[in-house]
Amino acid sequence: MGLYRASGQRITKAAFPAVAVSDPPKRITENVYQTEPYGRGDGRPEGSRRHLLYEAGDVVPQSEIDRLFTAATITTIAPLTGPTAGGTTVTITGTGLDGVSAVNFGATAGTELNVVSATELRVKTPAGGAGAVNVVLADDAGNVTKTNGYTYA
């Protein structure tokens, strides 16, 4: 008995066709549940079900955990303009917004962040200089930027 390539050539241990991967296994330390809406739903937690995704002690590759945290997206920002004094409540729609922990307008953090659902959040603009600034969402899966997404007038 031995190991062979499709061509019939024998494979030695030193020539085994594999490469090292940097996908370390992780041991889950407590039960992890996932929430999904019943049917189409509106993206809000009510009317949803929860099921066990990982049990404490399970071992999974890091890449599998990373896939659970999809990056947020920005679909719309409304309103698109506001006064330089700040204080405008801005509504941002998109996907994966439930992992957003901060919203920056240029280099300055917005205030009173309210994550309404996975598809909508609201935040008050800080004061800023006249002109367009990037809107940056600080997200579990990495920052998401809408270039020139808001204009101070």
C-alpha atoms as a PDB file:
ATOM      1  CA  MET A   1       0.000   0.000   0.000  1.00  0.00           C
ATOM      2  CA  GLY A   2       1.212   3.498  -0.727  1.00  0.00           C
ATOM      3  CA  LEU A   3       0.165   6.910  -1.935  1.00  0.00           C
ATOM      4  CA  TYR A   4       0.175   7.746  -5.630  1.00  0.00           C
ATOM      5  CA  ARG A   5      -0.469  10.664  -7.976  1.00  0.00           C
ATOM      6  CA  ALA A   6      -3.186  10.426 -10.634  1.00  0.00           C
ATOM      7  CA  SER A   7      -0.407   9.572 -13.101  1.00  0.00           C
ATOM      8  CA  GLY A   8       0.486   6.478 -11.045  1.00  0.00           C
ATOM      9  CA  GLN A   9       3.758   7.911  -9.693  1.00  0.00           C
ATOM     10  CA  ARG A  10       4.379   7.031  -6.014  1.00  0.00           C
ATOM     11  CA  ILE A  11       4.388   9.944  -3.543  1.00  0.00           C
ATOM     12  CA  THR A  12       7.102  10.022  -0.884  1.00  0.00           C
ATOM     13  CA  LYS A  13       6.598  11.686   2.473  1.00  0.00           C
ATOM     14  CA  ALA A  14       9.039  14.461   1.526  1.00  0.00           C
ATOM     15  CA  ALA A  15       7.176  15.122  -1.749  1.00  0.00           C
ATOM     16  CA  PHE A  16       3.641  15.004  -0.329  1.00  0.00           C
ATOM     17  CA  PRO A  17       1.589  17.597  -2.275  1.00  0.00           C
ATOM     18  CA  ALA A  18       0.578  20.007   0.470  1.00  0.00           C
ATOM     19  CA  VAL A  19       1.482  23.488   1.645  1.00  0.00           C
ATOM     20  CA  ALA A  20       1.366  25.038   5.067  1.00  0.00           C
ATOM     21  CA  VAL A  21      -1.591  27.316   5.691  1.00  0.00           C
ATOM     22  CA  SER A  22      -1.915  30.115   8.160  1.00  0.00           C
ATOM     23  CA  ASP A  23      -5.383  29.229   9.359  1.00  0.00           C
ATOM     24  CA  PRO A  24      -4.872  28.358  13.006  1.00  0.00           C
ATOM     25  CA  PRO A  25      -7.499  26.316  14.796  1.00  0.00           C
ATOM     26  CA  LYS A  26      -9.417  28.073  17.572  1.00  0.00           C
ATOM     27  CA  ARG A  27     -11.129  26.367  20.517  1.00  0.00           C
ATOM     28  CA  ILE A  28     -14.545  27.865  21.269  1.00  0.00           C
ATOM     29  CA  THR A  29     -14.702  28.762  24.982  1.00  0.00           C
ATOM     30  CA  GLU A  30     -18.465  29.227  25.367  1.00  0.00           C
ATOM     31  CA  ASN A  31     -21.615  28.361  23.447  1.00  0.00           C
ATOM     32  CA  VAL A  32     -22.167  30.697  20.479  1.00  0.00           C
ATOM     33  CA  TYR A  33     -25.646  31.245  19.043  1.00  0.00           C
ATOM     34  CA  GLN A  34     -26.727  32.736  15.731  1.00  0.00           C
ATOM     35  CA  THR A  35     -29.949  34.672  15.231  1.00  0.00           C
ATOM     36  CA  GLU A  36     -31.818  34.501  11.934  1.00  0.00           C
ATOM     37  CA  PRO A  37     -35.150  36.079  11.000  1.00  0.00           C
ATOM     38  CA  TYR A  38     -38.118  33.847  10.269  1.00  0.00           C
ATOM     39  CA  GLY A  39     -38.534  34.136   6.521  1.00  0.00           C
ATOM     40  CA  ARG A  40     -37.709  37.435   4.846  1.00  0.00           C
ATOM     41  CA  GLY A  41     -38.401  39.702   7.830  1.00  0.00           C
ATOM     42  CA  ASP A  42     -37.281  43.281   8.223  1.00  0.00           C
ATOM     43  CA  GLY A  43     -33.793  42.615   9.614  1.00  0.00           C
ATOM     44  CA  ARG A  44     -34.779  43.372  13.197  1.00  0.00           C
ATOM     45  CA  PRO A  45     -34.359  40.842  16.038  1.00  0.00           C
ATOM     46  CA  GLU A  46     -38.067  40.423  16.777  1.00  0.00           C
ATOM     47  CA  GLY A  47     -39.599  37.592  14.832  1.00  0.00           C
ATOM     48  CA  SER A  48     -36.331  35.713  14.696  1.00  0.00           C
ATOM     49  CA  ARG A  49     -35.000  32.393  15.906  1.00  0.00           C
ATOM     50  CA  ARG A  50     -31.778  31.519  17.660  1.00  0.00           C
ATOM     51  CA  HIS A  51     -29.823  28.329  17.182  1.00  0.00           C
ATOM     52  CA  LEU A  52     -26.592  26.905  18.555  1.00  0.00           C
ATOM     53  CA  LEU A  53     -23.778  27.560  16.075  1.00  0.00           C
ATOM     54  CA  TYR A  54     -20.773  26.376  18.114  1.00  0.00           C
ATOM     55  CA  GLU A  55     -20.660  24.478  21.366  1.00  0.00           C
ATOM     56  CA  ALA A  56     -17.994  25.190  23.985  1.00  0.00           C
ATOM     57  CA  GLY A  57     -15.022  22.970  23.218  1.00  0.00           C
ATOM     58  CA  ASP A  58     -15.536  22.904  19.431  1.00  0.00           C
ATOM     59  CA  VAL A  59     -12.396  23.539  17.396  1.00  0.00           C
ATOM     60  CA  VAL A  60     -12.794  25.556  14.190  1.00  0.00           C
ATOM     61  CA  PRO A  61     -10.332  27.233  11.821  1.00  0.00           C
ATOM     62  CA  GLN A  62      -9.903  31.000  12.157  1.00  0.00           C
ATOM     63  CA  SER A  63     -11.144  31.470   8.567  1.00  0.00           C
ATOM     64  CA  GLU A  64     -14.523  29.992   9.527  1.00  0.00           C
ATOM     65  CA  ILE A  65     -14.864  32.533  12.353  1.00  0.00           C
ATOM     66  CA  ASP A  66     -13.778  35.365  10.036  1.00  0.00           C
ATOM     67  CA  ARG A  67     -16.547  34.451   7.549  1.00  0.00           C
ATOM     68  CA  LEU A  68     -19.146  35.106  10.257  1.00  0.00           C
ATOM     69  CA  PHE A  69     -18.137  38.772  10.456  1.00  0.00           C
ATOM     70  CA  THR A  70     -18.909  40.213   7.043  1.00  0.00           C
ATOM     71  CA  ALA A  71     -17.872  43.790   6.421  1.00  0.00           C
ATOM     72  CA  ALA A  72     -20.533  46.457   6.578  1.00  0.00           C
ATOM     73  CA  THR A  73     -21.610  48.253   3.427  1.00  0.00           C
ATOM     74  CA  ILE A  74     -22.986  51.752   2.940  1.00  0.00           C
ATOM     75  CA  THR A  75     -25.936  52.101   0.559  1.00  0.00           C
ATOM     76  CA  THR A  76     -27.225  55.584   1.413  1.00  0.00           C
ATOM     77  CA  ILE A  77     -26.389  58.498   3.668  1.00  0.00           C
ATOM     78  CA  ALA A  78     -29.160  61.029   4.360  1.00  0.00           C
ATOM     79  CA  PRO A  79     -28.966  63.919   4.486  1.00  0.00           C
ATOM     80  CA  LEU A  80     -25.783  64.356   2.443  1.00  0.00           C
ATOM     81  CA  THR A  81     -25.110  67.885   3.716  1.00  0.00           C
ATOM     82  CA  GLY A  82     -25.365  69.796   6.958  1.00  0.00           C
ATOM     83  CA  PRO A  83     -24.059  72.826   8.832  1.00  0.00           C
ATOM     84  CA  THR A  84     -20.432  73.164   9.960  1.00  0.00           C
ATOM     85  CA  ALA A  85     -21.709  73.440  13.547  1.00  0.00           C
ATOM     86  CA  GLY A  86     -22.645  69.743  13.422  1.00  0.00           C
ATOM     87  CA  GLY A  87     -25.582  68.250  15.298  1.00  0.00           C
ATOM     88  CA  THR A  88     -27.353  66.902  12.199  1.00  0.00           C
ATOM     89  CA  THR A  89     -28.849  63.442  12.645  1.00  0.00           C
ATOM     90  CA  VAL A  90     -27.659  61.349   9.713  1.00  0.00           C
ATOM     91  CA  THR A  91     -29.258  58.034   8.731  1.00  0.00           C
ATOM     92  CA  ILE A  92     -26.979  55.483   7.097  1.00  0.00           C
ATOM     93  CA  THR A  93     -28.438  52.424   5.394  1.00  0.00           C
ATOM     94  CA  GLY A  94     -26.558  49.394   4.143  1.00  0.00           C
ATOM     95  CA  THR A  95     -25.771  45.876   5.284  1.00  0.00           C
ATOM     96  CA  GLY A  96     -23.967  44.430   8.289  1.00  0.00           C
ATOM     97  CA  LEU A  97     -24.370  47.676  10.237  1.00  0.00           C
ATOM     98  CA  ASP A  98     -25.052  45.858  13.538  1.00  0.00           C
ATOM     99  CA  GLY A  99     -21.268  45.463  14.012  1.00  0.00           C
ATOM    100  CA  VAL A 100     -20.544  49.201  13.708  1.00  0.00           C
ATOM    101  CA  SER A 101     -19.134  50.724  16.898  1.00  0.00           C
ATOM    102  CA  ALA A 102     -18.341  54.269  15.673  1.00  0.00           C
ATOM    103  CA  VAL A 103     -18.882  56.609  12.724  1.00  0.00           C
ATOM    104  CA  ASN A 104     -16.289  59.230  11.813  1.00  0.00           C
ATOM    105  CA  PHE A 105     -16.902  62.283   9.674  1.00  0.00           C
ATOM    106  CA  GLY A 106     -13.428  63.039   8.435  1.00  0.00           C
ATOM    107  CA  ALA A 107     -11.160  62.574  11.453  1.00  0.00           C
ATOM    108  CA  THR A 108     -13.876  63.379  14.022  1.00  0.00           C
ATOM    109  CA  ALA A 109     -16.230  60.864  15.619  1.00  0.00           C
ATOM    110  CA  GLY A 110     -19.955  61.330  15.365  1.00  0.00           C
ATOM    111  CA  THR A 111     -22.021  61.253  18.554  1.00  0.00           C
ATOM    112  CA  GLU A 112     -25.156  59.502  19.785  1.00  0.00           C
ATOM    113  CA  LEU A 113     -24.661  56.442  17.565  1.00  0.00           C
ATOM    114  CA  ASN A 114     -27.880  54.396  17.417  1.00  0.00           C
ATOM    115  CA  VAL A 115     -27.702  51.079  15.562  1.00  0.00           C
ATOM    116  CA  VAL A 116     -31.349  50.570  14.621  1.00  0.00           C
ATOM    117  CA  SER A 117     -30.839  47.263  12.801  1.00  0.00           C
ATOM    118  CA  ALA A 118     -28.376  45.396  10.605  1.00  0.00           C
ATOM    119  CA  THR A 119     -29.483  47.665   7.749  1.00  0.00           C
ATOM    120  CA  GLU A 120     -29.850  51.085   9.415  1.00  0.00           C
ATOM    121  CA  LEU A 121     -28.052  53.319  11.899  1.00  0.00           C
ATOM    122  CA  ARG A 122     -28.320  56.944  12.998  1.00  0.00           C
ATOM    123  CA  VAL A 123     -25.579  59.245  14.225  1.00  0.00           C
ATOM    124  CA  LYS A 124     -25.157  62.970  14.939  1.00  0.00           C
ATOM    125  CA  THR A 125     -22.502  64.830  13.014  1.00  0.00           C
ATOM    126  CA  PRO A 126     -19.679  66.572  14.871  1.00  0.00           C
ATOM    127  CA  ALA A 127     -18.641  70.109  13.988  1.00  0.00           C
ATOM    128  CA  GLY A 128     -16.457  70.286  10.886  1.00  0.00           C
ATOM    129  CA  GLY A 129     -14.892  72.592   8.345  1.00  0.00           C
ATOM    130  CA  ALA A 130     -16.734  73.460   5.131  1.00  0.00           C
ATOM    131  CA  GLY A 131     -16.381  70.856   2.395  1.00  0.00           C
ATOM    132  CA  ALA A 132     -16.749  67.149   1.744  1.00  0.00           C
ATOM    133  CA  VAL A 133     -15.416  64.562   4.215  1.00  0.00           C
ATOM    134  CA  ASN A 134     -15.145  60.797   4.193  1.00  0.00           C
ATOM    135  CA  VAL A 135     -17.649  58.876   6.286  1.00  0.00           C
ATOM    136  CA  VAL A 136     -15.880  55.968   8.007  1.00  0.00           C
ATOM    137  CA  LEU A 137     -17.691  53.159   9.812  1.00  0.00           C
ATOM    138  CA  ALA A 138     -15.622  51.363  12.474  1.00  0.00           C
ATOM    139  CA  ASP A 139     -16.823  47.790  12.031  1.00  0.00           C
ATOM    140  CA  ASP A 140     -16.038  44.374  13.582  1.00  0.00           C
ATOM    141  CA  ALA A 141     -14.743  43.179  10.206  1.00  0.00           C
ATOM    142  CA  GLY A 142     -12.727  46.338   9.446  1.00  0.00           C
ATOM    143  CA  ASN A 143     -13.377  49.964   8.603  1.00  0.00           C
ATOM    144  CA  VAL A 144     -15.670  50.883   5.716  1.00  0.00           C
ATOM    145  CA  THR A 145     -15.258  54.247   3.980  1.00  0.00           C
ATOM    146  CA  LYS A 146     -17.640  56.274   1.815  1.00  0.00           C
ATOM    147  CA  THR A 147     -15.324  58.775   0.137  1.00  0.00           C
ATOM    148  CA  ASN A 148     -16.706  62.326   0.288  1.00  0.00           C
ATOM    149  CA  GLY A 149     -19.857  60.834   1.808  1.00  0.00           C
ATOM    150  CA  TYR A 150     -20.913  63.971   3.714  1.00  0.00           C
ATOM    151  CA  THR A 151     -20.521  67.680   3.000  1.00  0.00           C
ATOM    152  CA  TYR A 152     -20.380  70.460   5.559  1.00  0.00           C
ATOM    153  CA  ALA A 153     -21.962  73.638   4.123  1.00  0.00           C
END
